[in-house]
């Protein structure tokens, strides 16, 4: 799987967003979804549900942090300009 992002339109506030990091987090989430599917097929749906709930919360927190960091960088650059 290629990790290069060629063209994406984002708001100015998010132009410093770490897209590679964002894609990496999504890849990890997909692997966990595959693991949850295997757990469910093996007869442990409780473990699959727990894994999905935990990973969704973790994914949301990590993506939120990436967006927050991009907005902070934008604020620093905006404050430097006259």
Protein backbone atom coordinates (compact mmCIF):
# COMPACT_ATOMS: atom_id res chain seq x y z
CA UNK A 1 0.00 0.00 0.00
CA UNK A 2 1.39 3.37 -0.99
CA UNK A 3 1.66 5.92 1.81
CA UNK A 4 2.01 8.99 -0.41
CA UNK A 5 -0.75 11.55 -0.55
CA UNK A 6 -0.65 13.41 -3.83
CA UNK A 7 -3.43 15.97 -3.61
CA UNK A 8 -5.79 16.88 -0.82
CA UNK A 9 -7.80 20.04 -0.22
CA UNK A 10 -7.99 21.05 3.41
CA UNK A 11 -8.94 24.28 5.18
CA UNK A 12 -6.07 26.71 5.85
CA UNK A 13 -6.31 25.88 9.56
CA UNK A 14 -5.42 22.27 8.80
CA UNK A 15 -2.79 22.68 6.08
CA UNK A 16 -0.09 21.45 8.50
CA UNK A 17 -2.09 18.33 9.37
CA UNK A 18 0.11 15.23 9.47
CA UNK A 19 -1.68 13.26 6.76
CA UNK A 20 0.78 10.36 6.93
CA UNK A 21 0.07 10.04 10.64
CA UNK A 22 -3.67 10.18 10.00
CA UNK A 23 -3.45 7.44 7.37
CA UNK A 24 -1.27 5.36 9.69
CA UNK A 25 -3.87 5.57 12.45
CA UNK A 26 -6.59 4.49 10.02
CA UNK A 27 -4.47 1.53 8.92
CA UNK A 28 -4.05 0.44 12.55
CA UNK A 29 -7.80 0.77 13.05
CA UNK A 30 -8.48 -1.44 10.02
CA UNK A 31 -6.11 -4.10 11.37
CA UNK A 32 -7.98 -4.04 14.67
CA UNK A 33 -11.30 -4.40 12.85
CA UNK A 34 -9.90 -7.48 11.11
CA UNK A 35 -8.79 -8.85 14.49
CA UNK A 36 -12.26 -8.19 15.90
CA UNK A 37 -13.80 -10.07 12.98
CA UNK A 38 -11.56 -13.05 13.68
CA UNK A 39 -12.44 -12.94 17.38
CA UNK A 40 -16.14 -12.90 16.51
CA UNK A 41 -15.70 -15.86 14.12
CA UNK A 42 -13.86 -17.79 16.84
CA UNK A 43 -16.82 -17.39 19.18
CA UNK A 44 -15.76 -14.50 21.42
CA UNK A 45 -18.07 -11.64 20.45
CA UNK A 46 -17.57 -9.90 23.82
CA UNK A 47 -13.85 -9.58 23.19
CA UNK A 48 -14.51 -8.35 19.63
CA UNK A 49 -16.93 -5.69 20.88
CA UNK A 50 -14.51 -4.57 23.59
CA UNK A 51 -11.67 -4.28 21.06
CA UNK A 52 -13.79 -2.23 18.66
CA UNK A 53 -15.08 0.14 21.37
CA UNK A 54 -11.59 0.67 22.77
CA UNK A 55 -10.03 1.23 19.36
CA UNK A 56 -12.75 3.64 18.23
CA UNK A 57 -12.20 5.80 21.31
CA UNK A 58 -8.43 5.62 20.79
CA UNK A 59 -8.73 6.51 17.09
CA UNK A 60 -10.95 9.49 17.85
CA UNK A 61 -8.53 10.75 20.49
CA UNK A 62 -5.49 10.39 18.24
CA UNK A 63 -7.13 12.06 15.24
CA UNK A 64 -8.40 14.83 17.49
CA UNK A 65 -4.85 15.38 18.70
CA UNK A 66 -3.52 15.58 15.12
CA UNK A 67 -6.19 18.16 14.22
CA UNK A 68 -5.49 20.14 17.40
CA UNK A 69 -1.73 20.18 16.67
CA UNK A 70 -2.40 21.45 13.13
CA UNK A 71 -4.64 24.24 14.44
CA UNK A 72 -1.98 25.24 17.00
CA UNK A 73 0.62 25.45 14.23
CA UNK A 74 -1.77 27.57 12.17
CA UNK A 75 -2.30 29.90 15.13
CA UNK A 76 1.46 30.30 15.59
CA UNK A 77 1.98 31.17 11.93
CA UNK A 78 -1.04 33.47 11.85
CA UNK A 79 0.22 35.33 14.91
CA UNK A 80 3.64 35.90 13.29
CA UNK A 81 2.19 37.62 10.22
CA UNK A 82 1.54 41.41 10.44
